[in-house]
């Protein structure tokens, strides 16, 4: 009887050891994180990687904060985003004293990182002189070849054109990031 109990105990110990080894091996071969979330939009596969969405577009990896379906509702008047397509440089500006200065600066930075993958240079500036050694960029500087994106506070979130200047308005920090993604998706042809 004692032998039977001893065998059961050793069997239980071996079972627990096998479970522990199996779990450890699965972490080595399959990673420590769960599978990434994947969505498809217009035939393009978007993968959630940590805190961003990534997709291979025109042979390059592009990063976004929101997936396309989350920003397709951001109103963009006809022709506003087309002004930014097929450009080598896009100037981006905002009011230094804006309530949303940090969100706008983040949006500009993320936009510059993504578009640099496509050899599109984003020149950042402010609408007035500052101590930050950045150029003064206003809608008056916008040309057909070098359009200006003016990020500014608005009552609604949307994108429209004034001359060659693309006005990207938002009413909250998160909406500035959404507007940035809507601009990127339009420039890269993901959202028409």
N, C-alpha and C. Protein backbone atom coordinates (compact mmCIF):
# COMPACT_ATOMS: atom_id res chain seq x y z
N UNK A 1 0.81 -1.18 0.00
CA UNK A 1 0.00 0.00 0.00
C UNK A 1 0.86 1.26 0.00
N UNK A 2 1.92 1.19 0.83
CA UNK A 2 2.83 2.31 0.92
C UNK A 2 3.53 2.53 -0.41
N UNK A 3 3.87 1.44 -1.10
CA UNK A 3 4.52 1.53 -2.41
C UNK A 3 3.61 2.20 -3.43
N UNK A 4 2.34 1.90 -3.38
CA UNK A 4 1.37 2.48 -4.30
C UNK A 4 1.29 4.00 -4.10
N UNK A 5 1.21 4.42 -2.84
CA UNK A 5 1.16 5.85 -2.55
C UNK A 5 2.45 6.55 -3.00
N UNK A 6 3.57 5.89 -2.79
CA UNK A 6 4.86 6.45 -3.18
C UNK A 6 4.93 6.61 -4.70
N UNK A 7 4.42 5.64 -5.44
CA UNK A 7 4.40 5.71 -6.91
C UNK A 7 3.49 6.85 -7.38
N UNK A 8 2.34 7.02 -6.75
CA UNK A 8 1.42 8.09 -7.12
C UNK A 8 2.05 9.46 -6.88
N UNK A 9 2.75 9.58 -5.74
CA UNK A 9 3.39 10.85 -5.41
C UNK A 9 4.47 11.16 -6.44
N UNK A 10 5.29 10.17 -6.79
CA UNK A 10 6.34 10.40 -7.79
C UNK A 10 5.72 10.68 -9.16
N UNK A 11 4.63 10.04 -9.46
CA UNK A 11 3.93 10.31 -10.72
C UNK A 11 3.42 11.75 -10.77
N UNK A 12 2.87 12.22 -9.66
CA UNK A 12 2.38 13.59 -9.57
C UNK A 12 3.54 14.58 -9.70
N UNK A 13 4.66 14.29 -9.04
CA UNK A 13 5.84 15.16 -9.12
C UNK A 13 6.36 15.22 -10.55
N UNK A 14 6.45 14.09 -11.22
CA UNK A 14 6.91 14.06 -12.61
C UNK A 14 5.94 14.81 -13.53
N UNK A 15 4.65 14.67 -13.28
CA UNK A 15 3.65 15.39 -14.07
C UNK A 15 3.83 16.90 -13.92
N UNK A 16 4.02 17.39 -12.70
CA UNK A 16 4.21 18.82 -12.45
C UNK A 16 5.49 19.30 -13.13
N UNK A 17 6.55 18.51 -13.05
CA UNK A 17 7.82 18.89 -13.69
C UNK A 17 7.63 18.98 -15.20
N UNK A 18 6.92 18.03 -15.81
CA UNK A 18 6.68 18.06 -17.25
C UNK A 18 5.86 19.30 -17.65
N UNK A 19 4.88 19.64 -16.84
CA UNK A 19 4.08 20.84 -17.11
C UNK A 19 4.97 22.08 -17.08
N UNK A 20 5.82 22.17 -16.07
CA UNK A 20 6.71 23.33 -15.95
C UNK A 20 7.68 23.41 -17.12
N UNK A 21 8.26 22.30 -17.52
CA UNK A 21 9.18 22.28 -18.66
C UNK A 21 8.44 22.63 -19.94
N UNK A 22 7.26 22.08 -20.12
CA UNK A 22 6.47 22.37 -21.32
C UNK A 22 6.10 23.85 -21.42
N UNK A 23 5.75 24.44 -20.31
CA UNK A 23 5.42 25.87 -20.30
C UNK A 23 6.64 26.70 -20.65
N UNK A 24 7.78 26.37 -20.08
CA UNK A 24 9.02 27.10 -20.36
C UNK A 24 9.39 26.99 -21.83
N UNK A 25 9.29 25.80 -22.39
CA UNK A 25 9.64 25.58 -23.80
C UNK A 25 8.68 26.37 -24.70
N UNK A 26 7.42 26.43 -24.35
CA UNK A 26 6.46 27.17 -25.18
C UNK A 26 6.79 28.66 -25.20
N UNK A 27 7.27 29.22 -24.09
CA UNK A 27 7.68 30.63 -24.09
C UNK A 27 8.87 30.86 -25.01
N UNK A 28 9.80 29.92 -25.02
CA UNK A 28 10.99 30.08 -25.87
C UNK A 28 10.60 30.03 -27.34
N UNK A 29 9.76 29.10 -27.72
CA UNK A 29 9.42 28.94 -29.13
C UNK A 29 8.32 29.87 -29.62
N UNK A 30 7.42 30.26 -28.75
CA UNK A 30 6.27 31.05 -29.18
C UNK A 30 6.25 32.47 -28.62
N UNK A 31 7.26 32.85 -27.89
CA UNK A 31 7.34 34.23 -27.39
C UNK A 31 6.60 34.42 -26.09
N UNK A 32 6.83 35.60 -25.51
CA UNK A 32 6.24 35.92 -24.22
C UNK A 32 4.94 36.70 -24.35
N UNK A 33 4.64 37.18 -25.54
CA UNK A 33 3.44 37.98 -25.71
C UNK A 33 2.39 37.21 -26.52
N UNK A 34 1.15 37.60 -26.37
CA UNK A 34 0.10 36.94 -27.13
C UNK A 34 0.18 37.32 -28.62
N UNK A 35 -0.54 36.60 -29.43
CA UNK A 35 -0.56 36.90 -30.87
C UNK A 35 -1.03 38.33 -31.10
N UNK A 36 -0.43 38.99 -32.11
CA UNK A 36 -0.83 40.36 -32.44
C UNK A 36 -2.19 40.37 -33.13
N UNK A 37 -2.93 41.42 -32.87
CA UNK A 37 -4.22 41.61 -33.51
C UNK A 37 -3.98 42.01 -34.96
N UNK A 38 -4.76 41.48 -35.87
CA UNK A 38 -4.61 41.77 -37.30
C UNK A 38 -5.97 42.13 -37.87
N UNK A 39 -6.01 43.21 -38.66
CA UNK A 39 -7.23 43.59 -39.39
C UNK A 39 -6.85 43.88 -40.84
N UNK A 40 -7.80 43.72 -41.72
CA UNK A 40 -7.58 44.05 -43.13
C UNK A 40 -8.46 45.22 -43.51
N UNK A 41 -7.89 46.11 -44.32
CA UNK A 41 -8.63 47.27 -44.79
C UNK A 41 -8.19 47.53 -46.22
N UNK A 42 -9.12 47.54 -47.15
CA UNK A 42 -8.83 47.75 -48.58
C UNK A 42 -7.70 46.84 -49.07
N UNK A 43 -7.70 45.59 -48.61
CA UNK A 43 -6.71 44.61 -49.04
C UNK A 43 -5.35 44.75 -48.37
N UNK A 44 -5.22 45.65 -47.41
CA UNK A 44 -3.95 45.85 -46.71
C UNK A 44 -4.08 45.27 -45.30
N UNK A 45 -3.09 44.51 -44.88
CA UNK A 45 -3.10 43.89 -43.56
C UNK A 45 -2.44 44.83 -42.55
N UNK A 46 -3.17 45.15 -41.48
CA UNK A 46 -2.67 46.01 -40.40
C UNK A 46 -2.50 45.14 -39.16
N UNK A 47 -1.33 45.25 -38.55
CA UNK A 47 -1.00 44.45 -37.38
C UNK A 47 -0.76 45.37 -36.19
N UNK A 48 -1.39 45.03 -35.07
CA UNK A 48 -1.19 45.79 -33.84
C UNK A 48 0.14 45.35 -33.22
N UNK A 49 1.07 46.28 -33.10
CA UNK A 49 2.38 46.02 -32.52
C UNK A 49 2.55 46.98 -31.35
N UNK A 50 2.51 46.45 -30.16
CA UNK A 50 2.56 47.24 -28.92
C UNK A 50 1.46 48.30 -28.95
N UNK A 51 1.80 49.57 -29.12
CA UNK A 51 0.80 50.63 -29.04
C UNK A 51 0.49 51.27 -30.38
N UNK A 52 0.83 50.61 -31.47
CA UNK A 52 0.60 51.19 -32.79
C UNK A 52 0.15 50.12 -33.78
N UNK A 53 -0.38 50.59 -34.91
CA UNK A 53 -0.76 49.72 -36.01
C UNK A 53 0.30 49.86 -37.10
N UNK A 54 0.73 48.75 -37.68
CA UNK A 54 1.72 48.77 -38.75
C UNK A 54 1.18 48.04 -39.96
N UNK A 55 1.59 48.54 -41.13
CA UNK A 55 1.19 47.90 -42.38
C UNK A 55 2.29 48.11 -43.42
N UNK A 56 2.42 47.15 -44.30
CA UNK A 56 3.36 47.31 -45.41
C UNK A 56 2.59 47.94 -46.57
N UNK A 57 2.96 49.20 -46.86
CA UNK A 57 2.28 49.96 -47.90
C UNK A 57 3.34 50.43 -48.90
N UNK A 58 3.14 50.11 -50.16
CA UNK A 58 4.10 50.48 -51.20
C UNK A 58 5.52 50.04 -50.85
N UNK A 59 5.64 48.84 -50.29
CA UNK A 59 6.95 48.27 -50.00
C UNK A 59 7.61 48.73 -48.73
N UNK A 60 7.00 49.62 -47.97
CA UNK A 60 7.59 50.14 -46.74
C UNK A 60 6.64 49.92 -45.57
N UNK A 61 7.20 49.81 -44.38
CA UNK A 61 6.38 49.66 -43.17
C UNK A 61 5.97 51.05 -42.69
N UNK A 62 4.67 51.25 -42.56
CA UNK A 62 4.12 52.52 -42.07
C UNK A 62 3.46 52.27 -40.72
N UNK A 63 3.61 53.24 -39.82
CA UNK A 63 3.05 53.11 -38.47
C UNK A 63 1.96 54.15 -38.24
N UNK A 64 0.91 53.74 -37.54
CA UNK A 64 -0.25 54.59 -37.26
C UNK A 64 -0.70 54.37 -35.82
N UNK A 65 -1.36 55.34 -35.26
CA UNK A 65 -1.91 55.21 -33.91
C UNK A 65 -3.28 54.55 -33.93
N UNK A 66 -4.04 54.77 -35.01
CA UNK A 66 -5.38 54.22 -35.14
C UNK A 66 -5.46 53.41 -36.42
N UNK A 67 -6.31 52.39 -36.42
CA UNK A 67 -6.53 51.65 -37.66
C UNK A 67 -7.43 52.48 -38.58
N UNK A 68 -7.42 52.20 -39.87
CA UNK A 68 -8.16 53.04 -40.83
C UNK A 68 -9.65 53.20 -40.50
N UNK A 69 -10.30 52.13 -40.06
CA UNK A 69 -11.74 52.23 -39.78
C UNK A 69 -12.04 53.19 -38.62
N UNK A 70 -11.04 53.43 -37.76
CA UNK A 70 -11.23 54.36 -36.64
C UNK A 70 -11.18 55.82 -37.08
N UNK A 71 -10.57 56.10 -38.23
CA UNK A 71 -10.40 57.49 -38.65
C UNK A 71 -11.11 57.83 -39.95
N UNK A 72 -11.75 56.85 -40.58
CA UNK A 72 -12.41 57.15 -41.85
C UNK A 72 -13.56 58.12 -41.66
N UNK A 73 -14.03 58.28 -40.44
CA UNK A 73 -15.10 59.23 -40.14
C UNK A 73 -14.60 60.66 -39.97
N UNK A 74 -13.28 60.85 -39.95
CA UNK A 74 -12.74 62.21 -39.87
C UNK A 74 -13.02 62.89 -41.20
N UNK A 75 -13.80 63.96 -41.15
CA UNK A 75 -14.26 64.66 -42.34
C UNK A 75 -13.08 65.29 -43.08
N UNK A 76 -12.94 64.98 -44.36
CA UNK A 76 -11.89 65.57 -45.21
C UNK A 76 -12.56 66.06 -46.49
N UNK A 77 -12.62 67.38 -46.66
CA UNK A 77 -13.22 67.93 -47.88
C UNK A 77 -12.46 67.48 -49.11
N UNK A 78 -13.18 67.32 -50.21
CA UNK A 78 -12.56 66.89 -51.46
C UNK A 78 -11.37 67.77 -51.81
N UNK A 79 -10.29 67.13 -52.18
CA UNK A 79 -9.11 67.85 -52.62
C UNK A 79 -8.15 68.22 -51.52
N UNK A 80 -8.58 68.13 -50.27
CA UNK A 80 -7.69 68.56 -49.19
C UNK A 80 -6.48 67.64 -49.04
N UNK A 81 -6.70 66.36 -49.04
CA UNK A 81 -5.58 65.43 -48.87
C UNK A 81 -4.82 65.26 -50.18
N UNK A 82 -5.51 65.37 -51.31
CA UNK A 82 -4.83 65.24 -52.60
C UNK A 82 -3.74 66.31 -52.75
N UNK A 83 -3.89 67.45 -52.10
CA UNK A 83 -2.87 68.51 -52.15
C UNK A 83 -1.54 68.03 -51.56
N UNK A 84 -1.60 67.00 -50.72
CA UNK A 84 -0.40 66.51 -50.04
C UNK A 84 0.23 65.31 -50.72
N UNK A 85 -0.47 64.72 -51.68
CA UNK A 85 0.04 63.52 -52.34
C UNK A 85 1.13 63.87 -53.35
N UNK A 86 2.08 62.96 -53.52
CA UNK A 86 3.17 63.07 -54.49
C UNK A 86 4.01 64.31 -54.28
N UNK A 87 4.30 64.62 -53.03
CA UNK A 87 5.15 65.77 -52.69
C UNK A 87 6.46 65.26 -52.12
N UNK A 88 7.52 66.05 -52.27
CA UNK A 88 8.81 65.73 -51.67
C UNK A 88 8.94 66.38 -50.30
N UNK A 89 8.21 67.48 -50.10
CA UNK A 89 8.24 68.19 -48.83
C UNK A 89 6.85 68.69 -48.50
N UNK A 90 6.52 68.58 -47.23
CA UNK A 90 5.29 69.14 -46.69
C UNK A 90 5.68 69.92 -45.45
N UNK A 91 5.25 71.17 -45.37
CA UNK A 91 5.51 71.98 -44.18
C UNK A 91 4.35 71.80 -43.20
N UNK A 92 4.67 71.69 -41.93
CA UNK A 92 3.65 71.52 -40.89
C UNK A 92 3.85 72.59 -39.83
N UNK A 93 2.76 73.21 -39.42
CA UNK A 93 2.86 74.32 -38.48
C UNK A 93 1.71 74.30 -37.49
N UNK A 94 1.89 75.07 -36.42
CA UNK A 94 0.83 75.29 -35.44
C UNK A 94 1.20 76.48 -34.58
N UNK A 95 0.23 76.93 -33.80
CA UNK A 95 0.44 78.05 -32.88
C UNK A 95 1.16 77.53 -31.64
N UNK A 96 2.30 78.11 -31.34
CA UNK A 96 3.11 77.68 -30.21
C UNK A 96 2.33 77.68 -28.90
N UNK A 97 1.43 78.62 -28.71
CA UNK A 97 0.67 78.74 -27.47
C UNK A 97 -0.65 77.99 -27.49
N UNK A 98 -0.81 77.09 -28.43
CA UNK A 98 -2.04 76.31 -28.52
C UNK A 98 -2.23 75.47 -27.26
N UNK A 99 -3.47 75.33 -26.85
CA UNK A 99 -3.81 74.47 -25.72
C UNK A 99 -3.39 73.03 -25.99
N UNK A 100 -3.34 72.66 -27.25
CA UNK A 100 -3.04 71.29 -27.65
C UNK A 100 -1.63 71.16 -28.23
N UNK A 101 -0.72 72.03 -27.82
CA UNK A 101 0.64 72.06 -28.39
C UNK A 101 1.34 70.70 -28.30
N UNK A 102 1.23 70.02 -27.18
CA UNK A 102 1.93 68.73 -27.04
C UNK A 102 1.36 67.68 -27.98
N UNK A 103 0.05 67.60 -28.10
CA UNK A 103 -0.57 66.62 -29.00
C UNK A 103 -0.22 66.94 -30.45
N UNK A 104 -0.20 68.22 -30.79
CA UNK A 104 0.13 68.61 -32.16
C UNK A 104 1.59 68.29 -32.47
N UNK A 105 2.48 68.59 -31.53
CA UNK A 105 3.90 68.27 -31.72
C UNK A 105 4.09 66.77 -31.90
N UNK A 106 3.37 65.97 -31.12
CA UNK A 106 3.44 64.51 -31.27
C UNK A 106 2.92 64.09 -32.64
N UNK A 107 1.81 64.66 -33.05
CA UNK A 107 1.23 64.34 -34.36
C UNK A 107 2.22 64.67 -35.49
N UNK A 108 2.85 65.84 -35.41
CA UNK A 108 3.83 66.23 -36.43
C UNK A 108 5.02 65.27 -36.43
N UNK A 109 5.50 64.92 -35.25
CA UNK A 109 6.64 64.01 -35.14
C UNK A 109 6.32 62.64 -35.74
N UNK A 110 5.16 62.08 -35.37
CA UNK A 110 4.77 60.78 -35.90
C UNK A 110 4.56 60.84 -37.40
N UNK A 111 3.98 61.92 -37.88
CA UNK A 111 3.77 62.10 -39.31
C UNK A 111 5.11 62.13 -40.04
N UNK A 112 6.08 62.85 -39.49
CA UNK A 112 7.40 62.94 -40.10
C UNK A 112 8.09 61.57 -40.12
N UNK A 113 7.98 60.81 -39.05
CA UNK A 113 8.60 59.48 -39.00
C UNK A 113 8.03 58.55 -40.07
N UNK A 114 6.71 58.55 -40.18
CA UNK A 114 6.08 57.66 -41.15
C UNK A 114 6.40 58.08 -42.58
N UNK A 115 6.26 59.37 -42.88
CA UNK A 115 6.49 59.83 -44.26
C UNK A 115 7.95 59.77 -44.67
N UNK A 116 8.87 59.78 -43.70
CA UNK A 116 10.29 59.66 -44.07
C UNK A 116 10.57 58.31 -44.72
N UNK A 117 9.76 57.30 -44.40
CA UNK A 117 9.90 55.99 -45.04
C UNK A 117 9.64 56.07 -46.55
N UNK A 118 8.92 57.11 -46.95
CA UNK A 118 8.53 57.30 -48.37
C UNK A 118 9.26 58.49 -48.99
N UNK A 119 10.36 58.89 -48.35
CA UNK A 119 11.18 60.01 -48.83
C UNK A 119 10.40 61.32 -48.95
N UNK A 120 9.49 61.52 -48.03
CA UNK A 120 8.75 62.78 -47.94
C UNK A 120 9.23 63.49 -46.68
N UNK A 121 9.76 64.68 -46.87
CA UNK A 121 10.32 65.44 -45.76
C UNK A 121 9.25 66.35 -45.16
N UNK A 122 9.14 66.32 -43.84
CA UNK A 122 8.22 67.22 -43.12
C UNK A 122 9.08 68.29 -42.45
N UNK A 123 8.87 69.53 -42.86
CA UNK A 123 9.56 70.66 -42.22
C UNK A 123 8.60 71.23 -41.20
N UNK A 124 9.02 71.24 -39.93
CA UNK A 124 8.16 71.67 -38.84
C UNK A 124 8.46 73.11 -38.46
N UNK A 125 7.43 73.84 -38.08
CA UNK A 125 7.60 75.21 -37.65
C UNK A 125 6.43 75.69 -36.82
N UNK A 126 6.45 76.98 -36.52
CA UNK A 126 5.38 77.62 -35.78
C UNK A 126 4.82 78.76 -36.61
N UNK A 127 3.65 79.24 -36.25
CA UNK A 127 3.03 80.34 -36.99
C UNK A 127 3.61 81.69 -36.61
N UNK A 128 4.47 81.75 -35.59
CA UNK A 128 5.10 83.00 -35.16
C UNK A 128 6.50 82.70 -34.64
N UNK A 129 7.31 83.72 -34.47
CA UNK A 129 8.66 83.55 -33.94
C UNK A 129 8.63 82.87 -32.58
N UNK A 130 9.68 82.08 -32.32
CA UNK A 130 9.81 81.39 -31.04
C UNK A 130 11.28 81.29 -30.68
N UNK A 131 11.54 80.80 -29.50
CA UNK A 131 12.93 80.59 -29.07
C UNK A 131 13.42 79.19 -29.40
N UNK A 132 12.63 78.41 -30.12
CA UNK A 132 12.97 77.02 -30.41
C UNK A 132 13.78 76.85 -31.70
N UNK A 133 14.14 77.93 -32.34
CA UNK A 133 14.95 77.88 -33.56
C UNK A 133 14.26 77.11 -34.68
N UNK A 134 12.96 77.18 -34.73
CA UNK A 134 12.19 76.58 -35.82
C UNK A 134 11.68 77.71 -36.71
N UNK A 135 11.50 77.43 -38.00
CA UNK A 135 11.06 78.50 -38.91
C UNK A 135 9.62 78.94 -38.65
N UNK A 136 9.33 80.14 -39.08
CA UNK A 136 7.95 80.63 -39.07
C UNK A 136 7.30 80.13 -40.35
N UNK A 137 6.26 79.34 -40.19
CA UNK A 137 5.53 78.78 -41.33
C UNK A 137 4.06 79.15 -41.16
N UNK A 138 3.50 79.80 -42.16
CA UNK A 138 2.08 80.15 -42.13
C UNK A 138 1.45 79.65 -43.42
N UNK A 139 0.16 79.78 -43.51
CA UNK A 139 -0.52 79.41 -44.75
C UNK A 139 -0.06 80.27 -45.91
N UNK A 140 0.46 81.45 -45.63
CA UNK A 140 1.00 82.31 -46.67
C UNK A 140 2.23 81.72 -47.34
N UNK A 141 2.89 80.76 -46.70
CA UNK A 141 4.06 80.10 -47.28
C UNK A 141 3.69 78.93 -48.18
N UNK A 142 2.43 78.51 -48.16
CA UNK A 142 2.01 77.33 -48.92
C UNK A 142 2.09 77.57 -50.41
N UNK A 143 2.64 76.59 -51.11
CA UNK A 143 2.68 76.62 -52.58
C UNK A 143 2.13 75.30 -53.09
N UNK A 144 1.96 75.22 -54.38
CA UNK A 144 1.48 73.99 -54.98
C UNK A 144 2.48 72.86 -54.76
N UNK A 145 3.79 73.17 -54.83
CA UNK A 145 4.84 72.16 -54.67
C UNK A 145 5.16 71.85 -53.21
N UNK A 146 5.02 72.84 -52.33
CA UNK A 146 5.28 72.64 -50.91
C UNK A 146 4.07 73.15 -50.13
N UNK A 147 3.09 72.27 -49.97
CA UNK A 147 1.89 72.68 -49.22
C UNK A 147 2.18 72.77 -47.72
N UNK A 148 1.32 73.46 -47.02
CA UNK A 148 1.43 73.61 -45.57
C UNK A 148 0.24 72.90 -44.92
N UNK A 149 0.52 72.15 -43.87
CA UNK A 149 -0.52 71.57 -43.02
C UNK A 149 -0.53 72.40 -41.74
N UNK A 150 -1.64 73.07 -41.49
CA UNK A 150 -1.78 73.92 -40.32
C UNK A 150 -2.67 73.20 -39.32
N UNK A 151 -2.06 72.69 -38.25
CA UNK A 151 -2.80 72.03 -37.18
C UNK A 151 -3.32 73.12 -36.24
N UNK A 152 -4.63 73.18 -36.07
CA UNK A 152 -5.18 74.19 -35.17
C UNK A 152 -6.43 73.68 -34.47
N UNK A 153 -6.74 74.32 -33.35
CA UNK A 153 -7.92 73.98 -32.57
C UNK A 153 -9.17 74.39 -33.34
N UNK A 154 -10.16 73.53 -33.30
CA UNK A 154 -11.44 73.83 -33.93
C UNK A 154 -12.57 73.23 -33.12
N UNK A 155 -13.78 73.63 -33.42
CA UNK A 155 -14.94 73.08 -32.72
C UNK A 155 -15.27 71.68 -33.19
N UNK A 156 -14.85 71.36 -34.40
CA UNK A 156 -15.07 70.02 -34.94
C UNK A 156 -13.73 69.46 -35.38
N UNK A 157 -13.71 68.18 -35.69
CA UNK A 157 -12.50 67.53 -36.15
C UNK A 157 -12.65 67.27 -37.64
N UNK A 158 -11.73 67.82 -38.42
CA UNK A 158 -11.82 67.64 -39.86
C UNK A 158 -10.66 68.28 -40.58
N UNK A 159 -10.67 68.12 -41.89
CA UNK A 159 -9.59 68.60 -42.75
C UNK A 159 -10.22 69.35 -43.92
N UNK A 160 -9.72 70.56 -44.18
CA UNK A 160 -10.19 71.30 -45.36
C UNK A 160 -9.03 72.12 -45.92
N UNK A 161 -9.27 72.78 -47.05
CA UNK A 161 -8.22 73.52 -47.74
C UNK A 161 -8.56 75.00 -47.78
N UNK A 162 -7.54 75.82 -47.58
CA UNK A 162 -7.63 77.26 -47.80
C UNK A 162 -6.45 77.61 -48.69
N UNK A 163 -6.68 77.81 -49.98
CA UNK A 163 -5.58 78.02 -50.93
C UNK A 163 -4.80 76.73 -51.07
N UNK A 164 -3.47 76.79 -50.87
CA UNK A 164 -2.65 75.58 -50.87
C UNK A 164 -2.37 75.09 -49.46
N UNK A 165 -3.08 75.64 -48.50
CA UNK A 165 -2.89 75.31 -47.09
C UNK A 165 -3.95 74.30 -46.65
N UNK A 166 -3.51 73.20 -46.10
CA UNK A 166 -4.42 72.19 -45.59
C UNK A 166 -4.61 72.46 -44.10
N UNK A 167 -5.85 72.71 -43.71
CA UNK A 167 -6.17 73.00 -42.32
C UNK A 167 -6.64 71.71 -41.66
N UNK A 168 -5.91 71.28 -40.63
CA UNK A 168 -6.25 70.07 -39.88
C UNK A 168 -6.72 70.52 -38.50
N UNK A 169 -8.03 70.50 -38.30
CA UNK A 169 -8.61 70.98 -37.05
C UNK A 169 -9.05 69.82 -36.17
N UNK A 170 -8.94 70.03 -34.86
CA UNK A 170 -9.41 69.03 -33.91
C UNK A 170 -9.80 69.75 -32.62
N UNK A 171 -10.61 69.05 -31.83
CA UNK A 171 -11.10 69.66 -30.59
C UNK A 171 -10.58 68.96 -29.34
N UNK A 172 -9.68 67.98 -29.51
CA UNK A 172 -9.11 67.29 -28.34
C UNK A 172 -7.73 66.73 -28.72
N UNK A 173 -6.98 66.35 -27.71
CA UNK A 173 -5.64 65.79 -27.95
C UNK A 173 -5.72 64.54 -28.84
N UNK A 174 -6.60 63.61 -28.49
CA UNK A 174 -6.72 62.37 -29.26
C UNK A 174 -7.15 62.65 -30.69
N UNK A 175 -7.99 63.65 -30.89
CA UNK A 175 -8.45 63.96 -32.24
C UNK A 175 -7.34 64.50 -33.13
N UNK A 176 -6.33 65.18 -32.55
CA UNK A 176 -5.20 65.61 -33.37
C UNK A 176 -4.42 64.40 -33.89
N UNK A 177 -4.32 63.36 -33.09
CA UNK A 177 -3.64 62.14 -33.53
C UNK A 177 -4.49 61.44 -34.60
N UNK A 178 -5.81 61.47 -34.43
CA UNK A 178 -6.69 60.89 -35.45
C UNK A 178 -6.59 61.65 -36.76
N UNK A 179 -6.55 62.98 -36.69
CA UNK A 179 -6.42 63.80 -37.90
C UNK A 179 -5.10 63.47 -38.60
N UNK A 180 -4.03 63.34 -37.81
CA UNK A 180 -2.72 62.98 -38.39
C UNK A 180 -2.81 61.65 -39.12
N UNK A 181 -3.45 60.65 -38.49
CA UNK A 181 -3.58 59.34 -39.15
C UNK A 181 -4.45 59.44 -40.40
N UNK A 182 -5.51 60.23 -40.34
CA UNK A 182 -6.37 60.41 -41.52
C UNK A 182 -5.56 61.03 -42.67
N UNK A 183 -4.72 62.00 -42.35
CA UNK A 183 -3.85 62.60 -43.37
C UNK A 183 -2.89 61.56 -43.95
N UNK A 184 -2.26 60.77 -43.08
CA UNK A 184 -1.32 59.75 -43.55
C UNK A 184 -2.02 58.71 -44.42
N UNK A 185 -3.17 58.23 -43.98
CA UNK A 185 -3.90 57.22 -44.76
C UNK A 185 -4.28 57.79 -46.13
N UNK A 186 -4.62 59.06 -46.18
CA UNK A 186 -4.95 59.69 -47.46
C UNK A 186 -3.73 59.86 -48.35
N UNK A 187 -2.64 60.35 -47.77
CA UNK A 187 -1.40 60.56 -48.55
C UNK A 187 -0.92 59.24 -49.12
N UNK A 188 -1.01 58.17 -48.35
CA UNK A 188 -0.52 56.85 -48.80
C UNK A 188 -1.55 56.08 -49.62
N UNK A 189 -2.73 56.65 -49.81
CA UNK A 189 -3.75 56.04 -50.67
C UNK A 189 -4.54 54.91 -50.02
N UNK A 190 -4.46 54.77 -48.71
CA UNK A 190 -5.22 53.72 -48.03
C UNK A 190 -6.69 54.08 -47.98
N UNK A 191 -6.98 55.33 -47.59
CA UNK A 191 -8.35 55.83 -47.59
C UNK A 191 -8.46 56.84 -48.72
N UNK A 192 -9.40 56.64 -49.59
CA UNK A 192 -9.58 57.54 -50.75
C UNK A 192 -10.34 58.77 -50.37
